N, C-alpha and C. Protein backbone atom coordinates (compact mmCIF):
# COMPACT_ATOMS: atom_id res chain seq x y z
N UNK A 1 -15.08 -2.94 6.34
CA UNK A 1 -16.20 -1.54 5.86
C UNK A 1 -16.66 -1.98 4.77
N UNK A 2 -17.89 -1.32 4.71
CA UNK A 2 -18.94 -1.24 3.65
C UNK A 2 -18.00 -0.56 2.27
N UNK A 3 -18.39 -1.00 1.52
CA UNK A 3 -18.21 -0.05 0.11
C UNK A 3 -18.55 0.81 -0.03
N UNK A 4 -17.28 2.00 -0.47
CA UNK A 4 -17.97 3.39 -0.50
C UNK A 4 -18.10 4.20 0.87
N UNK A 5 -18.09 3.16 1.79
CA UNK A 5 -17.66 4.02 3.02
C UNK A 5 -16.90 4.29 3.56
N UNK A 6 -16.00 5.80 3.61
CA UNK A 6 -14.47 6.31 4.22
C UNK A 6 -14.51 6.03 5.37
N UNK A 7 -13.04 5.81 5.36
CA UNK A 7 -12.71 5.14 6.97
C UNK A 7 -12.41 6.92 7.55
N UNK A 8 -12.81 6.76 8.98
CA UNK A 8 -13.06 7.71 9.90
C UNK A 8 -11.74 8.26 10.66
N UNK A 9 -11.54 9.49 10.68
CA UNK A 9 -10.67 9.69 11.50
C UNK A 9 -11.24 9.93 13.08
N UNK A 10 -10.80 9.23 13.80
CA UNK A 10 -11.27 9.81 15.44
C UNK A 10 -10.11 10.19 16.50
N UNK A 11 -10.84 11.32 17.08
CA UNK A 11 -9.30 11.75 17.68
C UNK A 11 -10.11 12.12 19.29
N UNK A 12 -9.33 11.27 20.18
CA UNK A 12 -9.76 11.77 21.77
C UNK A 12 -9.91 12.94 22.02
N UNK A 13 -10.58 13.21 22.71
CA UNK A 13 -10.35 14.17 23.54
C UNK A 13 -9.79 14.49 24.51
N UNK A 14 -9.24 15.46 25.20
CA UNK A 14 -8.50 16.08 26.23
C UNK A 14 -8.78 15.16 27.47
N UNK A 15 -10.03 15.26 28.01
CA UNK A 15 -10.85 14.58 29.23
C UNK A 15 -10.67 12.83 28.34
N UNK A 16 -10.65 12.29 27.53
CA UNK A 16 -10.81 10.96 27.35
C UNK A 16 -9.28 10.79 27.63
N UNK A 17 -7.85 11.27 27.16
CA UNK A 17 -6.53 11.16 27.29
C UNK A 17 -6.48 11.26 28.55
N UNK A 18 -7.02 12.36 29.55
CA UNK A 18 -6.67 11.81 30.56
C UNK A 18 -6.96 11.10 31.63
N UNK A 19 -8.73 10.74 31.12
CA UNK A 19 -8.80 9.26 31.97
C UNK A 19 -8.17 8.17 31.81
N UNK A 20 -7.49 8.08 30.29
CA UNK A 20 -7.05 6.73 30.03
C UNK A 20 -5.39 6.75 30.90
N UNK A 21 -4.80 8.27 30.97
CA UNK A 21 -3.64 8.24 31.85
C UNK A 21 -4.30 7.80 33.23
N UNK A 22 -5.00 8.26 33.82
CA UNK A 22 -5.63 8.02 35.31
C UNK A 22 -5.69 6.80 35.39
N UNK A 23 -6.33 5.98 34.52
CA UNK A 23 -6.42 4.31 34.64
C UNK A 23 -5.36 3.68 34.36
N UNK A 24 -4.14 4.29 33.76
CA UNK A 24 -2.55 3.74 33.94
C UNK A 24 -1.89 4.14 35.11
N UNK A 25 -2.60 5.15 35.57
CA UNK A 25 -1.46 5.45 37.05
C UNK A 25 -2.05 4.60 37.93
N UNK A 26 -3.59 4.43 38.08
CA UNK A 26 -4.17 3.56 39.32
C UNK A 26 -3.59 2.21 38.97
N UNK A 27 -3.56 1.65 38.10
CA UNK A 27 -3.14 0.14 38.02
C UNK A 27 -1.17 0.29 38.23
N UNK A 28 -0.90 1.18 38.13
CA UNK A 28 0.35 1.53 38.33
C UNK A 28 0.44 1.77 39.86
N UNK A 29 -0.49 2.25 40.81
CA UNK A 29 -0.34 2.32 42.14
C UNK A 29 -0.93 1.36 42.48
N UNK A 30 -1.55 -0.09 42.37
CA UNK A 30 -1.63 -1.15 42.65
C UNK A 30 -0.71 -2.53 42.44
N UNK A 31 0.70 -1.51 42.04
CA UNK A 31 1.79 -2.96 42.01
C UNK A 31 1.63 -3.30 40.27
N UNK A 32 0.62 -3.17 39.43
CA UNK A 32 0.30 -4.20 38.44
C UNK A 32 -0.01 -3.06 37.16
N UNK A 33 1.44 -2.50 36.69
CA UNK A 33 1.26 -1.42 35.36
C UNK A 33 1.28 -2.40 34.42
N UNK A 34 1.87 -3.20 34.00
CA UNK A 34 1.69 -3.87 32.89
C UNK A 34 -0.01 -4.21 32.42
N UNK A 35 -1.12 -4.07 33.09
CA UNK A 35 -2.12 -4.47 33.42
C UNK A 35 -2.85 -3.34 32.78
N UNK A 36 -2.83 -2.28 32.90
CA UNK A 36 -2.89 -0.76 32.77
C UNK A 36 -2.57 -0.73 31.47
N UNK A 37 -1.50 -1.07 31.51
CA UNK A 37 -1.04 -0.53 29.92
C UNK A 37 -1.62 -1.50 28.98
N UNK A 38 -1.70 -2.50 29.39
CA UNK A 38 -2.52 -3.43 28.52
C UNK A 38 -3.87 -3.24 28.49
N UNK A 39 -4.78 -2.53 29.29
CA UNK A 39 -6.10 -2.18 29.34
C UNK A 39 -6.13 -1.11 28.19
N UNK A 40 -5.31 -0.21 28.51
CA UNK A 40 -5.38 0.78 27.58
C UNK A 40 -5.40 0.82 26.05
N UNK A 41 -4.10 -0.29 25.83
CA UNK A 41 -3.81 -0.78 24.74
C UNK A 41 -4.93 -1.00 24.08
N UNK A 42 -5.85 -2.37 24.16
CA UNK A 42 -6.95 -2.67 24.28
C UNK A 42 -8.25 -1.51 23.56
N UNK A 43 -8.00 -0.84 24.70
CA UNK A 43 -9.39 0.16 24.72
C UNK A 43 -9.03 1.33 23.28
N UNK A 44 -7.33 1.78 22.88
CA UNK A 44 -7.16 2.01 21.67
C UNK A 44 -7.24 1.52 20.46
N UNK A 45 -6.67 0.32 21.00
CA UNK A 45 -7.03 -0.40 19.36
C UNK A 45 -8.85 -0.52 19.20
N UNK A 46 -9.34 -0.59 20.39
CA UNK A 46 -10.78 -0.91 19.53
C UNK A 46 -11.54 0.39 19.01
N UNK A 47 -10.96 1.48 19.29
CA UNK A 47 -11.24 3.26 18.93
C UNK A 47 -10.54 2.87 17.68
N UNK A 48 -9.40 2.91 17.36
CA UNK A 48 -9.23 2.57 15.80
C UNK A 48 -9.50 1.67 15.11
N UNK A 49 -10.43 0.71 14.99
CA UNK A 49 -10.84 0.08 14.61
C UNK A 49 -12.61 0.42 14.19
N UNK A 50 -12.83 1.38 15.13
CA UNK A 50 -14.05 2.62 14.77
C UNK A 50 -13.79 3.18 13.36
N UNK A 51 -12.82 3.75 13.36
CA UNK A 51 -12.39 4.52 12.48
C UNK A 51 -12.05 3.55 11.11
N UNK A 52 -11.68 1.90 11.07
CA UNK A 52 -11.82 1.14 9.80
C UNK A 52 -13.43 0.90 9.69
N UNK A 53 -13.82 0.88 10.87
CA UNK A 53 -15.54 0.28 10.45
C UNK A 53 -16.29 0.73 11.67
N UNK A 54 -16.61 2.17 10.83
CA UNK A 54 -17.87 2.90 12.01
C UNK A 54 -19.01 2.12 12.43
N UNK A 55 -19.05 1.03 11.81
CA UNK A 55 -20.80 0.00 12.10
C UNK A 55 -20.49 -0.98 13.12
N UNK A 56 -19.01 -0.92 13.57
CA UNK A 56 -19.44 -1.39 14.89
C UNK A 56 -20.13 -1.27 16.21
N UNK A 57 -20.10 -2.01 17.09
CA UNK A 57 -21.09 -1.19 18.41
C UNK A 57 -22.45 -1.56 18.50
N UNK A 58 -22.85 -0.52 19.15
CA UNK A 58 -24.37 -0.99 19.30
C UNK A 58 -25.08 0.46 19.94
N UNK A 59 -25.92 0.87 19.70
CA UNK A 59 -26.71 2.22 19.55
C UNK A 59 -26.84 2.02 21.18
N UNK A 60 -26.40 3.44 21.85
CA UNK A 60 -26.69 2.77 23.64
C UNK A 60 -28.44 3.75 23.70
N UNK A 61 -29.10 3.02 24.61
CA UNK A 61 -30.15 3.52 24.73
C UNK A 61 -30.45 5.37 25.32
N UNK A 62 -29.56 5.34 26.27
CA UNK A 62 -29.59 6.75 26.72
C UNK A 62 -29.12 7.57 25.52
N UNK A 63 -28.37 7.46 24.75
CA UNK A 63 -27.53 8.14 24.04
C UNK A 63 -28.80 8.49 22.95
N UNK A 64 -29.65 7.97 22.56
CA UNK A 64 -30.51 8.15 21.14
C UNK A 64 -29.72 7.41 20.21
N UNK A 65 -31.07 7.59 19.22
CA UNK A 65 -30.62 7.31 17.68
C UNK A 65 -31.55 8.45 17.09
N UNK A 66 -30.03 9.17 16.12
CA UNK A 66 -29.02 8.88 16.02
C UNK A 66 -28.34 9.12 17.22
N UNK A 67 -27.36 9.05 17.60
CA UNK A 67 -26.41 8.81 19.03
C UNK A 67 -25.73 10.57 19.17
N UNK A 68 -25.93 11.23 20.21
CA UNK A 68 -25.19 12.58 20.48
C UNK A 68 -24.08 12.34 20.76
N UNK A 69 -23.18 13.46 21.15
CA UNK A 69 -21.99 13.22 21.15
C UNK A 69 -21.67 14.42 22.13
N UNK A 70 -20.70 14.51 23.47
CA UNK A 70 -20.48 15.23 23.98
C UNK A 70 -19.43 16.44 23.31
N UNK A 71 -19.25 17.64 23.36
CA UNK A 71 -18.44 18.29 22.99
C UNK A 71 -17.91 19.30 23.73
N UNK A 72 -16.14 18.92 23.55
CA UNK A 72 -15.41 19.05 24.79
C UNK A 72 -15.08 20.68 24.03
N UNK A 73 -14.88 21.91 24.92
CA UNK A 73 -14.25 22.61 24.52
C UNK A 73 -13.07 22.83 24.06
N UNK A 74 -12.80 23.59 22.46
CA UNK A 74 -11.70 23.70 21.77
C UNK A 74 -11.55 22.53 20.88
N UNK A 75 -12.61 21.39 21.25
CA UNK A 75 -12.15 20.32 19.97
C UNK A 75 -13.09 20.50 18.48
N UNK A 76 -14.60 20.88 18.91
CA UNK A 76 -14.92 20.98 18.16
C UNK A 76 -15.20 22.46 17.19
N UNK A 77 -15.27 23.57 16.03
CA UNK A 77 -15.59 24.26 15.71
C UNK A 77 -16.66 24.61 16.19
């Protein structure tokens, strides 16, 4: 992390948590639950990394710069 850059707290929206649960369920239905669990664990690890190193990643062209974020109902003030 850059000197002086505070650690960020990242919270998943309800829709993101639902999507991750659906991924686990799909892999379970395919008979490989460990793959889904590992995949979701890797995603969550990367999300946690973003809190420690917010400069990671890249700008996605369709999101513009600075990026725009979707606001799920009840998550943002």
